[in-house]
PDB file of N, CA and C in Angstrom:
ATOM      1  N   MET A   1     120.403 113.227  -9.693  1.00  0.00           N
ATOM      2  CA  MET A   1     119.961 114.181  -8.337  1.00  0.00           C
ATOM      3  C   MET A   1     119.895 114.226  -7.606  1.00  0.00           C
ATOM      4  N   ALA A   2     120.570 115.655  -6.914  1.00  0.00           N
ATOM      5  CA  ALA A   2     120.586 115.249  -5.462  1.00  0.00           C
ATOM      6  C   ALA A   2     119.548 115.212  -4.123  1.00  0.00           C
ATOM      7  N   TYR A   3     119.198 114.690  -3.289  1.00  0.00           N
ATOM      8  CA  TYR A   3     118.827 115.268  -2.089  1.00  0.00           C
ATOM      9  C   TYR A   3     119.515 116.025  -1.437  1.00  0.00           C
ATOM     10  N   TYR A   4     119.788 116.510  -1.460  1.00  0.00           N
ATOM     11  CA  TYR A   4     120.774 117.251   0.029  1.00  0.00           C
ATOM     12  C   TYR A   4     119.569 117.696   0.758  1.00  0.00           C
ATOM     13  N   GLY A   5     119.432 117.260   2.216  1.00  0.00           N
ATOM     14  CA  GLY A   5     118.282 118.113   3.306  1.00  0.00           C
ATOM     15  C   GLY A   5     116.971 117.214   3.176  1.00  0.00           C
ATOM     16  N   LYS A   6     117.106 116.027   2.804  1.00  0.00           N
ATOM     17  CA  LYS A   6     115.741 115.555   1.899  1.00  0.00           C
ATOM     18  C   LYS A   6     115.638 114.520   2.458  1.00  0.00           C
ATOM     19  N   LYS A   7     114.979 113.526   4.066  1.00  0.00           N
ATOM     20  CA  LYS A   7     115.216 112.336   4.082  1.00  0.00           C
ATOM     21  C   LYS A   7     114.453 111.623   2.347  1.00  0.00           C
ATOM     22  N   THR A   8     115.607 110.303   2.837  1.00  0.00           N
ATOM     23  CA  THR A   8     115.705 109.516   1.717  1.00  0.00           C
ATOM     24  C   THR A   8     115.482 108.047   2.246  1.00  0.00           C
ATOM     25  N   GLU A   9     114.340 107.840   1.899  1.00  0.00           N
ATOM     26  CA  GLU A   9     114.293 105.864   1.653  1.00  0.00           C
ATOM     27  C   GLU A   9     114.597 104.817   1.450  1.00  0.00           C
ATOM     28  N   PHE A  10     115.288 103.575   2.035  1.00  0.00           N
ATOM     29  CA  PHE A  10     115.820 103.069   1.821  1.00  0.00           C
ATOM     30  C   PHE A  10     115.320 101.739   1.800  1.00  0.00           C
ATOM     31  N   ASN A  11     114.281 101.444   0.959  1.00  0.00           N
ATOM     32  CA  ASN A  11     113.728 100.072   1.028  1.00  0.00           C
ATOM     33  C   ASN A  11     114.101  99.588   0.596  1.00  0.00           C
ATOM     34  N   GLY A  12     113.964  98.339   1.442  1.00  0.00           N
ATOM     35  CA  GLY A  12     115.448  97.042   0.211  1.00  0.00           C
ATOM     36  C   GLY A  12     115.454  96.031   1.173  1.00  0.00           C
ATOM     37  N   ILE A  13     117.321  96.771   1.508  1.00  0.00           N
ATOM     38  CA  ILE A  13     118.744  97.093   2.223  1.00  0.00           C
ATOM     39  C   ILE A  13     118.679  96.683   3.540  1.00  0.00           C
ATOM     40  N   ILE A  14     117.462  96.564   3.700  1.00  0.00           N
ATOM     41  CA  ILE A  14     117.965  96.466   5.584  1.00  0.00           C
ATOM     42  C   ILE A  14     117.687  94.937   5.696  1.00  0.00           C
ATOM     43  N   PRO A  15     118.826  94.187   6.627  1.00  0.00           N
ATOM     44  CA  PRO A  15     118.925  92.795   6.380  1.00  0.00           C
ATOM     45  C   PRO A  15     117.307  92.128   6.369  1.00  0.00           C
ATOM     46  N   ASP A  16     117.392  91.165   6.079  1.00  0.00           N
ATOM     47  CA  ASP A  16     115.759  90.167   6.361  1.00  0.00           C
ATOM     48  C   ASP A  16     115.024  90.311   7.858  1.00  0.00           C
ATOM     49  N   LYS A  17     114.398  90.140   8.626  1.00  0.00           N
ATOM     50  CA  LYS A  17     113.479  90.305   9.519  1.00  0.00           C
ATOM     51  C   LYS A  17     113.005  88.950   9.890  1.00  0.00           C
ATOM     52  N   HIS A  18     113.528  87.508   9.280  1.00  0.00           N
ATOM     53  CA  HIS A  18     113.236  86.513   9.854  1.00  0.00           C
ATOM     54  C   HIS A  18     113.822  85.940  10.589  1.00  0.00           C
ATOM     55  N   ASP A  19     115.104  86.662  10.780  1.00  0.00           N
ATOM     56  CA  ASP A  19     116.170  86.160  11.804  1.00  0.00           C
ATOM     57  C   ASP A  19     116.435  86.876  13.497  1.00  0.00           C
ATOM     58  N   PHE A  20     117.528  86.703  14.113  1.00  0.00           N
ATOM     59  CA  PHE A  20     116.030  87.666  15.632  1.00  0.00           C
ATOM     60  C   PHE A  20     117.758  89.205  15.128  1.00  0.00           C
ATOM     61  N   LYS A  21     119.069  89.192  14.506  1.00  0.00           N
ATOM     62  CA  LYS A  21     119.717  90.057  13.603  1.00  0.00           C
ATOM     63  C   LYS A  21     118.597  91.558  13.354  1.00  0.00           C
ATOM     64  N   GLY A  22     118.066  90.658  12.028  1.00  0.00           N
ATOM     65  CA  GLY A  22     117.279  91.088  11.347  1.00  0.00           C
ATOM     66  C   GLY A  22     115.846  92.353  12.020  1.00  0.00           C
ATOM     67  N   LYS A  23     115.055  91.128  13.093  1.00  0.00           N
ATOM     68  CA  LYS A  23     114.434  91.805  13.843  1.00  0.00           C
ATOM     69  C   LYS A  23     114.800  92.966  13.574  1.00  0.00           C
ATOM     70  N   VAL A  24     115.871  93.258  15.167  1.00  0.00           N
ATOM     71  CA  VAL A  24     116.387  93.969  15.728  1.00  0.00           C
ATOM     72  C   VAL A  24     116.579  95.733  15.058  1.00  0.00           C
ATOM     73  N   LEU A  25     117.228  94.426  13.466  1.00  0.00           N
ATOM     74  CA  LEU A  25     117.666  95.853  12.787  1.00  0.00           C
ATOM     75  C   LEU A  25     116.799  96.598  11.819  1.00  0.00           C
ATOM     76  N   GLN A  26     115.382  95.716  12.237  1.00  0.00           N
ATOM     77  CA  GLN A  26     114.149  96.533  10.926  1.00  0.00           C
ATOM     78  C   GLN A  26     113.486  97.833  12.565  1.00  0.00           C
ATOM     79  N   GLU A  27     113.527  97.218  13.779  1.00  0.00           N
ATOM     80  CA  GLU A  27     112.857  97.791  14.553  1.00  0.00           C
ATOM     81  C   GLU A  27     114.086  99.448  14.696  1.00  0.00           C
ATOM     82  N   VAL A  28     115.167  98.831  14.645  1.00  0.00           N
ATOM     83  CA  VAL A  28     115.705  99.788  14.543  1.00  0.00           C
ATOM     84  C   VAL A  28     115.601 101.146  13.968  1.00  0.00           C
ATOM     85  N   ALA A  29     115.963 100.445  13.077  1.00  0.00           N
ATOM     86  CA  ALA A  29     115.451 101.314  11.673  1.00  0.00           C
ATOM     87  C   ALA A  29     114.059 102.258  11.837  1.00  0.00           C
ATOM     88  N   LYS A  30     112.960 102.036  12.580  1.00  0.00           N
ATOM     89  CA  LYS A  30     111.708 102.408  13.023  1.00  0.00           C
ATOM     90  C   LYS A  30     112.009 104.110  13.635  1.00  0.00           C
ATOM     91  N   ILE A  31     113.096 103.980  14.301  1.00  0.00           N
ATOM     92  CA  ILE A  31     113.115 104.938  15.672  1.00  0.00           C
ATOM     93  C   ILE A  31     113.511 106.512  14.478  1.00  0.00           C
ATOM     94  N   PRO A  32     112.557 107.065  14.534  1.00  0.00           N
ATOM     95  CA  PRO A  32     112.546 108.878  14.560  1.00  0.00           C
ATOM     96  C   PRO A  32     113.629 109.657  15.120  1.00  0.00           C
ATOM     97  N   TYR A  33     114.227 110.126  13.279  1.00  0.00           N
ATOM     98  CA  TYR A  33     114.620 111.355  14.329  1.00  0.00           C
ATOM     99  C   TYR A  33     114.388 112.021  14.722  1.00  0.00           C
ATOM    100  N   GLY A  34     115.420 112.156  15.906  1.00  0.00           N
ATOM    101  CA  GLY A  34     115.116 113.020  17.029  1.00  0.00           C
ATOM    102  C   GLY A  34     114.864 112.066  18.331  1.00  0.00           C
ATOM    103  N   GLU A  35     114.176 111.266  17.879  1.00  0.00           N
ATOM    104  CA  GLU A  35     113.684 110.560  19.474  1.00  0.00           C
ATOM    105  C   GLU A  35     115.139 109.286  19.690  1.00  0.00           C
ATOM    106  N   VAL A  36     114.731 108.259  20.719  1.00  0.00           N
ATOM    107  CA  VAL A  36     115.857 107.685  20.867  1.00  0.00           C
ATOM    108  C   VAL A  36     114.878 106.361  21.495  1.00  0.00           C
ATOM    109  N   ARG A  37     115.410 105.329  22.158  1.00  0.00           N
ATOM    110  CA  ARG A  37     114.760 104.030  22.276  1.00  0.00           C
ATOM    111  C   ARG A  37     115.610 103.105  22.874  1.00  0.00           C
ATOM    112  N   THR A  38     115.410 102.303  24.157  1.00  0.00           N
ATOM    113  CA  THR A  38     116.621 101.492  24.940  1.00  0.00           C
ATOM    114  C   THR A  38     116.678 100.925  24.052  1.00  0.00           C
ATOM    115  N   TYR A  39     117.503  99.482  25.048  1.00  0.00           N
ATOM    116  CA  TYR A  39     118.129  98.154  24.424  1.00  0.00           C
ATOM    117  C   TYR A  39     116.498  97.606  24.108  1.00  0.00           C
ATOM    118  N   LYS A  40     115.855  97.999  26.047  1.00  0.00           N
ATOM    119  CA  LYS A  40     115.144  97.005  26.652  1.00  0.00           C
ATOM    120  C   LYS A  40     113.984  96.881  25.631  1.00  0.00           C
ATOM    121  N   GLN A  41     113.408  98.685  25.225  1.00  0.00           N
ATOM    122  CA  GLN A  41     112.072  98.837  24.572  1.00  0.00           C
ATOM    123  C   GLN A  41     112.307  98.166  22.982  1.00  0.00           C
ATOM    124  N   ILE A  42     113.676  98.113  22.479  1.00  0.00           N
ATOM    125  CA  ILE A  42     113.789  97.015  21.711  1.00  0.00           C
ATOM    126  C   ILE A  42     113.235  95.676  21.372  1.00  0.00           C
ATOM    127  N   SER A  43     113.909  95.269  22.487  1.00  0.00           N
ATOM    128  CA  SER A  43     113.822  93.934  23.104  1.00  0.00           C
ATOM    129  C   SER A  43     112.399  93.266  23.347  1.00  0.00           C
ATOM    130  N   GLU A  44     111.700  94.186  23.455  1.00  0.00           N
ATOM    131  CA  GLU A  44     110.051  93.680  24.352  1.00  0.00           C
ATOM    132  C   GLU A  44     109.451  93.724  22.637  1.00  0.00           C
ATOM    133  N   SER A  45     110.188  95.449  21.683  1.00  0.00           N
ATOM    134  CA  SER A  45     108.926  95.116  20.670  1.00  0.00           C
ATOM    135  C   SER A  45     109.407  94.001  20.009  1.00  0.00           C
ATOM    136  N   ILE A  46     110.390  92.982  20.015  1.00  0.00           N
ATOM    137  CA  ILE A  46     110.539  91.514  18.883  1.00  0.00           C
ATOM    138  C   ILE A  46     109.884  90.398  20.010  1.00  0.00           C
ATOM    139  N   GLY A  47     109.568  90.873  21.095  1.00  0.00           N
ATOM    140  CA  GLY A  47     109.266  89.568  22.196  1.00  0.00           C
ATOM    141  C   GLY A  47     109.895  88.824  22.616  1.00  0.00           C
ATOM    142  N   THR A  48     110.953  89.787  23.116  1.00  0.00           N
ATOM    143  CA  THR A  48     112.321  88.912  23.675  1.00  0.00           C
ATOM    144  C   THR A  48     112.523  89.746  25.022  1.00  0.00           C
ATOM    145  N   LYS A  49     113.576  88.582  26.035  1.00  0.00           N
ATOM    146  CA  LYS A  49     113.950  89.811  27.020  1.00  0.00           C
ATOM    147  C   LYS A  49     115.802  89.477  26.947  1.00  0.00           C
ATOM    148  N   ALA A  50     115.786  89.446  26.169  1.00  0.00           N
ATOM    149  CA  ALA A  50     117.694  89.198  25.271  1.00  0.00           C
ATOM    150  C   ALA A  50     117.860  90.711  25.540  1.00  0.00           C
ATOM    151  N   TYR A  51     118.564  91.490  26.471  1.00  0.00           N
ATOM    152  CA  TYR A  51     118.919  92.441  26.279  1.00  0.00           C
ATOM    153  C   TYR A  51     120.080  93.185  25.383  1.00  0.00           C
ATOM    154  N   ARG A  52     120.658  92.048  26.597  1.00  0.00           N
ATOM    155  CA  ARG A  52     122.253  92.002  25.604  1.00  0.00           C
ATOM    156  C   ARG A  52     122.327  91.262  23.731  1.00  0.00           C
ATOM    157  N   ALA A  53     121.622  89.942  23.917  1.00  0.00           N
ATOM    158  CA  ALA A  53     121.361  89.901  22.912  1.00  0.00           C
ATOM    159  C   ALA A  53     121.094  90.865  21.428  1.00  0.00           C
ATOM    160  N   VAL A  54     120.346  91.941  22.232  1.00  0.00           N
ATOM    161  CA  VAL A  54     119.388  92.658  21.108  1.00  0.00           C
ATOM    162  C   VAL A  54     120.790  93.802  20.943  1.00  0.00           C
ATOM    163  N   GLY A  55     122.220  94.336  22.410  1.00  0.00           N
ATOM    164  CA  GLY A  55     122.740  95.373  21.932  1.00  0.00           C
ATOM    165  C   GLY A  55     124.219  94.358  21.051  1.00  0.00           C
ATOM    166  N   THR A  56     124.162  93.226  20.896  1.00  0.00           N
ATOM    167  CA  THR A  56     125.017  92.688  19.898  1.00  0.00           C
ATOM    168  C   THR A  56     124.840  93.134  19.167  1.00  0.00           C
ATOM    169  N   ALA A  57     123.410  92.523  18.379  1.00  0.00           N
ATOM    170  CA  ALA A  57     122.559  93.019  16.719  1.00  0.00           C
ATOM    171  C   ALA A  57     123.274  94.235  16.406  1.00  0.00           C
ATOM    172  N   ILE A  58     122.597  95.222  17.507  1.00  0.00           N
ATOM    173  CA  ILE A  58     123.385  95.894  17.379  1.00  0.00           C
ATOM    174  C   ILE A  58     124.867  96.939  17.280  1.00  0.00           C
ATOM    175  N   GLY A  59     125.076  96.513  17.967  1.00  0.00           N
ATOM    176  CA  GLY A  59     126.731  96.491  17.741  1.00  0.00           C
ATOM    177  C   GLY A  59     127.409  96.024  15.879  1.00  0.00           C
ATOM    178  N   ARG A  60     126.356  94.815  15.958  1.00  0.00           N
ATOM    179  CA  ARG A  60     126.685  94.291  14.691  1.00  0.00           C
ATOM    180  C   ARG A  60     126.945  95.172  13.278  1.00  0.00           C
ATOM    181  N   ASN A  61     125.283  95.912  13.597  1.00  0.00           N
ATOM    182  CA  ASN A  61     125.352  96.859  12.758  1.00  0.00           C
ATOM    183  C   ASN A  61     126.073  96.881  11.309  1.00  0.00           C
ATOM    184  N   PRO A  62     125.419  96.129  10.674  1.00  0.00           N
ATOM    185  CA  PRO A  62     126.326  96.659   8.524  1.00  0.00           C
ATOM    186  C   PRO A  62     125.779  98.192   7.857  1.00  0.00           C
ATOM    187  N   LEU A  63     124.964  98.840   8.613  1.00  0.00           N
ATOM    188  CA  LEU A  63     124.649 100.055   7.717  1.00  0.00           C
ATOM    189  C   LEU A  63     124.536 100.864   8.724  1.00  0.00           C
ATOM    190  N   PRO A  64     125.123 101.933   9.486  1.00  0.00           N
ATOM    191  CA  PRO A  64     125.022 102.254  10.510  1.00  0.00           C
ATOM    192  C   PRO A  64     124.799 103.833  10.308  1.00  0.00           C
ATOM    193  N   ILE A  65     124.905 104.287   8.871  1.00  0.00           N
ATOM    194  CA  ILE A  65     124.351 105.849   8.490  1.00  0.00           C
ATOM    195  C   ILE A  65     123.186 105.370   7.711  1.00  0.00           C
ATOM    196  N   ILE A  66     122.908 104.136   7.820  1.00  0.00           N
ATOM    197  CA  ILE A  66     120.600 104.142   7.326  1.00  0.00           C
ATOM    198  C   ILE A  66     120.544 103.478   8.296  1.00  0.00           C
ATOM    199  N   ILE A  67     120.908 102.664   9.461  1.00  0.00           N
ATOM    200  CA  ILE A  67     120.168 101.984  10.337  1.00  0.00           C
ATOM    201  C   ILE A  67     120.587 102.401  11.731  1.00  0.00           C
ATOM    202  N   PRO A  68     120.213 103.504  12.383  1.00  0.00           N
ATOM    203  CA  PRO A  68     120.441 104.756  13.108  1.00  0.00           C
ATOM    204  C   PRO A  68     120.970 103.956  14.529  1.00  0.00           C
ATOM    205  N   CYS A  69     121.614 103.520  14.444  1.00  0.00           N
ATOM    206  CA  CYS A  69     122.200 102.369  15.804  1.00  0.00           C
ATOM    207  C   CYS A  69     122.343 103.184  16.712  1.00  0.00           C
ATOM    208  N   HIS A  70     122.621 104.837  16.781  1.00  0.00           N
ATOM    209  CA  HIS A  70     122.933 105.305  18.215  1.00  0.00           C
ATOM    210  C   HIS A  70     122.045 106.533  18.618  1.00  0.00           C
ATOM    211  N   ARG A  71     121.089 106.187  18.167  1.00  0.00           N
ATOM    212  CA  ARG A  71     119.577 106.219  18.547  1.00  0.00           C
ATOM    213  C   ARG A  71     119.345 105.168  19.779  1.00  0.00           C
ATOM    214  N   VAL A  72     119.528 104.243  20.242  1.00  0.00           N
ATOM    215  CA  VAL A  72     119.441 103.256  21.091  1.00  0.00           C
ATOM    216  C   VAL A  72     120.115 103.606  22.476  1.00  0.00           C
ATOM    217  N   VAL A  73     120.119 103.641  23.609  1.00  0.00           N
ATOM    218  CA  VAL A  73     120.688 103.956  24.941  1.00  0.00           C
ATOM    219  C   VAL A  73     120.275 103.273  25.586  1.00  0.00           C
ATOM    220  N   LYS A  74     121.008 103.340  26.830  1.00  0.00           N
ATOM    221  CA  LYS A  74     120.606 101.713  27.897  1.00  0.00           C
ATOM    222  C   LYS A  74     119.496 101.869  28.571  1.00  0.00           C
ATOM    223  N   SER A  75     118.873 101.317  29.443  1.00  0.00           N
ATOM    224  CA  SER A  75     117.780 102.203  30.178  1.00  0.00           C
ATOM    225  C   SER A  75     117.467 102.821  30.790  1.00  0.00           C
ATOM    226  N   ASP A  76     118.606 103.472  31.772  1.00  0.00           N
ATOM    227  CA  ASP A  76     119.211 104.358  32.673  1.00  0.00           C
ATOM    228  C   ASP A  76     119.161 105.876  31.990  1.00  0.00           C
ATOM    229  N   LEU A  77     119.136 105.778  31.220  1.00  0.00           N
ATOM    230  CA  LEU A  77     118.581 106.858  29.692  1.00  0.00           C
ATOM    231  C   LEU A  77     120.717 107.407  29.622  1.00  0.00           C
ATOM    232  N   HIS A  78     121.583 106.868  30.096  1.00  0.00           N
ATOM    233  CA  HIS A  78     123.115 106.555  29.819  1.00  0.00           C
ATOM    234  C   HIS A  78     122.807 106.744  28.212  1.00  0.00           C
ATOM    235  N   VAL A  79     123.759 106.933  27.686  1.00  0.00           N
ATOM    236  CA  VAL A  79     124.401 106.911  25.950  1.00  0.00           C
ATOM    237  C   VAL A  79     124.791 105.508  25.896  1.00  0.00           C
ATOM    238  N   GLY A  80     125.388 105.179  26.656  1.00  0.00           N
ATOM    239  CA  GLY A  80     126.096 104.211  26.157  1.00  0.00           C
ATOM    240  C   GLY A  80     126.828 103.802  25.408  1.00  0.00           C
ATOM    241  N   GLY A  81     127.720 102.698  24.613  1.00  0.00           N
ATOM    242  CA  GLY A  81     128.634 102.588  23.518  1.00  0.00           C
ATOM    243  C   GLY A  81     128.111 102.834  22.241  1.00  0.00           C
ATOM    244  N   PHE A  82     128.935 102.830  21.765  1.00  0.00           N
ATOM    245  CA  PHE A  82     128.958 103.092  20.028  1.00  0.00           C
ATOM    246  C   PHE A  82     130.507 102.496  19.232  1.00  0.00           C
ATOM    247  N   PHE A  83     130.331 102.446  18.132  1.00  0.00           N
ATOM    248  CA  PHE A  83     131.429 102.011  17.343  1.00  0.00           C
ATOM    249  C   PHE A  83     132.142 102.822  16.829  1.00  0.00           C
ATOM    250  N   GLY A  84     132.043 104.156  17.369  1.00  0.00           N
ATOM    251  CA  GLY A  84     132.402 105.222  16.870  1.00  0.00           C
ATOM    252  C   GLY A  84     132.960 106.010  17.926  1.00  0.00           C
ATOM    253  N   GLY A  85     132.258 105.217  18.740  1.00  0.00           N
ATOM    254  CA  GLY A  85     133.250 106.338  20.440  1.00  0.00           C
ATOM    255  C   GLY A  85     131.660 107.123  21.236  1.00  0.00           C
ATOM    256  N   THR A  86     131.555 107.144  21.917  1.00  0.00           N
ATOM    257  CA  THR A  86     130.242 107.824  22.680  1.00  0.00           C
ATOM    258  C   THR A  86     130.269 108.898  22.573  1.00  0.00           C
ATOM    259  N   GLU A  87     132.178 109.943  22.533  1.00  0.00           N
ATOM    260  CA  GLU A  87     131.667 111.687  22.182  1.00  0.00           C
ATOM    261  C   GLU A  87     131.190 111.295  20.374  1.00  0.00           C
ATOM    262  N   MET A  88     131.374 110.622  19.811  1.00  0.00           N
ATOM    263  CA  MET A  88     130.860 110.015  18.250  1.00  0.00           C
ATOM    264  C   MET A  88     129.269 110.385  18.430  1.00  0.00           C
ATOM    265  N   LYS A  89     128.336 109.145  19.436  1.00  0.00           N
ATOM    266  CA  LYS A  89     127.130 108.863  19.401  1.00  0.00           C
ATOM    267  C   LYS A  89     126.441 110.112  19.987  1.00  0.00           C
ATOM    268  N   LYS A  90     126.755 110.838  21.033  1.00  0.00           N
ATOM    269  CA  LYS A  90     126.923 112.411  21.588  1.00  0.00           C
ATOM    270  C   LYS A  90     126.384 113.109  20.614  1.00  0.00           C
ATOM    271  N   GLU A  91     127.359 113.624  20.227  1.00  0.00           N
ATOM    272  CA  GLU A  91     127.304 114.960  19.123  1.00  0.00           C
ATOM    273  C   GLU A  91     126.260 114.853  17.763  1.00  0.00           C
ATOM    274  N   MET A  92     125.904 113.328  17.619  1.00  0.00           N
ATOM    275  CA  MET A  92     125.165 112.671  16.480  1.00  0.00           C
ATOM    276  C   MET A  92     123.664 112.898  17.376  1.00  0.00           C
ATOM    277  N   LEU A  93     123.409 112.597  18.141  1.00  0.00           N
ATOM    278  CA  LEU A  93     122.063 112.631  19.204  1.00  0.00           C
ATOM    279  C   LEU A  93     122.014 114.686  19.308  1.00  0.00           C
ATOM    280  N   GLU A  94     123.495 114.965  19.866  1.00  0.00           N
ATOM    281  CA  GLU A  94     122.958 116.211  19.981  1.00  0.00           C
ATOM    282  C   GLU A  94     122.205 117.330  18.446  1.00  0.00           C
ATOM    283  N   ASN A  95     123.747 117.140  17.650  1.00  0.00           N
ATOM    284  CA  ASN A  95     122.790 117.338  16.332  1.00  0.00           C
ATOM    285  C   ASN A  95     120.759 116.907  16.022  1.00  0.00           C
ATOM    286  N   GLU A  96     120.789 116.283  17.051  1.00  0.00           N
ATOM    287  CA  GLU A  96     119.400 115.980  16.409  1.00  0.00           C
ATOM    288  C   GLU A  96     118.828 116.380  17.152  1.00  0.00           C
ATOM    289  N   GLY A  97     119.053 116.918  18.120  1.00  0.00           N
ATOM    290  CA  GLY A  97     117.971 117.726  19.314  1.00  0.00           C
ATOM    291  C   GLY A  97     117.643 117.541  20.965  1.00  0.00           C
ATOM    292  N   ILE A  98     118.514 116.676  20.763  1.00  0.00           N
ATOM    293  CA  ILE A  98     118.478 115.513  21.494  1.00  0.00           C
ATOM    294  C   ILE A  98     119.786 116.322  22.868  1.00  0.00           C
ATOM    295  N   CYS A  99     118.590 115.978  24.593  1.00  0.00           N
ATOM    296  CA  CYS A  99     119.327 117.074  25.298  1.00  0.00           C
ATOM    297  C   CYS A  99     120.608 115.734  26.464  1.00  0.00           C
ATOM    298  N   ILE A 100     121.528 116.048  26.062  1.00  0.00           N
ATOM    299  CA  ILE A 100     122.253 114.865  27.183  1.00  0.00           C
ATOM    300  C   ILE A 100     123.389 116.084  28.064  1.00  0.00           C
ATOM    301  N   VAL A 101     123.045 115.294  29.159  1.00  0.00           N
ATOM    302  CA  VAL A 101     123.569 116.067  30.106  1.00  0.00           C
ATOM    303  C   VAL A 101     124.518 115.282  31.105  1.00  0.00           C
ATOM    304  N   ASP A 102     125.774 114.876  31.402  1.00  0.00           N
ATOM    305  CA  ASP A 102     126.315 114.128  31.964  1.00  0.00           C
ATOM    306  C   ASP A 102     126.289 113.027  31.521  1.00  0.00           C
ATOM    307  N   GLY A 103     126.188 112.693  30.075  1.00  0.00           N
ATOM    308  CA  GLY A 103     126.587 111.717  29.540  1.00  0.00           C
ATOM    309  C   GLY A 103     124.485 110.747  29.519  1.00  0.00           C
ATOM    310  N   LYS A 104     123.727 112.035  30.030  1.00  0.00           N
ATOM    311  CA  LYS A 104     123.047 110.989  30.254  1.00  0.00           C
ATOM    312  C   LYS A 104     121.420 111.919  29.297  1.00  0.00           C
ATOM    313  N   ILE A 105     120.531 111.075  28.731  1.00  0.00           N
ATOM    314  CA  ILE A 105     119.680 111.624  28.313  1.00  0.00           C
ATOM    315  C   ILE A 105     118.699 112.765  29.077  1.00  0.00           C
ATOM    316  N   LYS A 106     118.372 113.507  28.615  1.00  0.00           N
ATOM    317  CA  LYS A 106     117.252 114.211  29.714  1.00  0.00           C
ATOM    318  C   LYS A 106     115.900 114.861  28.408  1.00  0.00           C
ATOM    319  N   LYS A 107     114.664 114.581  29.214  1.00  0.00           N
ATOM    320  CA  LYS A 107     113.317 114.274  28.515  1.00  0.00           C
ATOM    321  C   LYS A 107     112.813 115.487  28.725  1.00  0.00           C
TER     322      LYS A 107
END
Protein backbone atom coordinates (compact mmCIF):
# COMPACT_ATOMS: atom_id res chain seq x y z
CA MET A 1 0.00 0.00 0.00
CA ALA A 2 1.42 3.42 -0.96
CA TYR A 3 1.46 6.36 1.44
CA TYR A 4 2.65 9.10 -0.88
CA GLY A 5 2.13 12.53 0.63
CA LYS A 6 0.82 11.15 3.91
CA LYS A 7 2.46 11.40 7.33
CA THR A 8 3.78 8.05 8.48
CA GLU A 9 4.48 7.12 12.09
CA PHE A 10 7.66 5.17 12.84
CA ASN A 11 6.91 3.79 16.27
CA GLY A 12 9.49 1.62 17.98
CA ILE A 13 12.48 2.31 15.74
CA ILE A 14 13.85 5.44 17.40
CA PRO A 15 16.79 4.61 19.71
CA ASP A 16 16.14 3.83 23.37
CA LYS A 17 15.60 6.97 25.43
CA HIS A 18 17.46 5.58 28.45
CA ASP A 19 20.87 6.77 27.25
CA PHE A 20 21.92 10.31 26.37
CA LYS A 21 21.91 9.88 22.59
CA GLY A 22 18.52 8.19 22.73
CA LYS A 23 17.04 11.01 24.81
CA VAL A 24 18.36 13.57 22.34
CA LEU A 25 17.03 11.73 19.29
CA GLN A 26 13.65 11.12 20.94
CA GLU A 27 13.37 14.88 21.51
CA VAL A 28 14.45 15.74 17.96
CA ALA A 29 11.86 13.30 16.61
CA LYS A 30 9.14 15.46 18.23
CA ILE A 31 9.97 18.58 16.18
CA PRO A 32 7.01 19.21 13.88
CA TYR A 33 7.30 19.70 10.13
CA GLY A 34 7.98 23.34 9.32
CA GLU A 35 9.45 24.18 12.73
CA VAL A 36 12.95 24.34 14.14
CA ARG A 37 14.53 24.04 17.59
CA THR A 38 17.96 25.11 18.77
CA TYR A 39 20.60 22.82 20.20
CA LYS A 40 20.11 24.71 23.47
CA GLN A 41 16.35 24.07 23.43
CA ILE A 42 16.92 20.36 22.87
CA SER A 43 19.49 20.31 25.70
CA GLU A 44 17.20 22.06 28.14
CA SER A 45 14.23 19.86 27.22
CA ILE A 46 16.17 16.78 28.34
CA GLY A 47 17.51 18.48 31.46
CA THR A 48 21.12 19.21 30.53
CA LYS A 49 23.35 22.11 29.55
CA ALA A 50 25.57 19.86 27.45
CA TYR A 51 24.80 21.71 24.22
CA ARG A 52 27.84 20.45 22.34
CA ALA A 53 27.15 16.86 23.37
CA VAL A 54 23.63 17.28 22.03
CA GLY A 55 25.13 18.43 18.73
CA THR A 56 27.38 15.37 18.68
CA ALA A 57 24.45 13.04 19.35
CA ILE A 58 22.43 14.68 16.58
CA GLY A 59 25.41 14.39 14.23
CA ARG A 60 25.39 10.64 14.84
CA ASN A 61 21.70 10.26 14.00
CA PRO A 62 21.36 6.81 12.39
CA LEU A 63 17.94 7.61 10.90
CA PRO A 64 18.08 11.12 9.37
CA ILE A 65 15.09 10.47 7.12
CA ILE A 66 12.95 9.61 10.17
CA ILE A 67 14.54 11.73 12.92
CA PRO A 68 14.57 15.27 11.47
CA CYS A 69 17.99 16.47 12.61
CA HIS A 70 17.89 19.13 9.88
CA ARG A 71 15.33 20.97 12.05
CA VAL A 72 17.90 21.71 14.75
CA VAL A 73 19.74 25.02 14.35
CA LYS A 74 22.20 27.18 16.26
CA SER A 75 21.00 29.44 19.09
CA ASP A 76 21.59 32.51 16.92
CA LEU A 77 19.25 30.85 14.35
CA HIS A 78 22.01 30.26 11.80
CA VAL A 79 21.36 27.00 10.03
CA GLY A 80 24.53 25.26 11.23
CA GLY A 81 26.08 22.04 10.03
CA PHE A 82 24.53 18.95 8.52
CA PHE A 83 25.91 15.59 7.36
CA GLY A 84 24.71 16.31 3.82
CA GLY A 85 26.14 19.83 3.83
CA THR A 86 24.75 23.21 4.79
CA GLU A 87 23.18 23.82 1.37
CA MET A 88 21.20 20.58 1.62
CA LYS A 89 20.02 21.53 5.12
CA LYS A 90 18.90 24.95 3.87
CA GLU A 91 17.02 23.38 0.98
CA MET A 92 15.28 20.87 3.26
CA LEU A 93 14.20 23.63 5.65
CA GLU A 94 13.00 25.86 2.80
CA ASN A 95 11.01 22.93 1.40
CA GLU A 96 9.19 22.89 4.76
CA GLY A 97 8.33 26.58 4.38
CA ILE A 98 11.05 27.96 6.62
CA CYS A 99 12.45 31.29 5.44
CA ILE A 100 16.26 31.54 5.42
CA VAL A 101 18.13 34.77 4.65
CA ASP A 102 21.94 34.85 4.64
CA GLY A 103 22.08 31.44 6.31
CA LYS A 104 19.78 32.46 9.17
CA ILE A 105 16.21 31.46 10.00
CA LYS A 106 13.75 34.35 9.76
CA LYS A 107 10.78 34.03 12.07
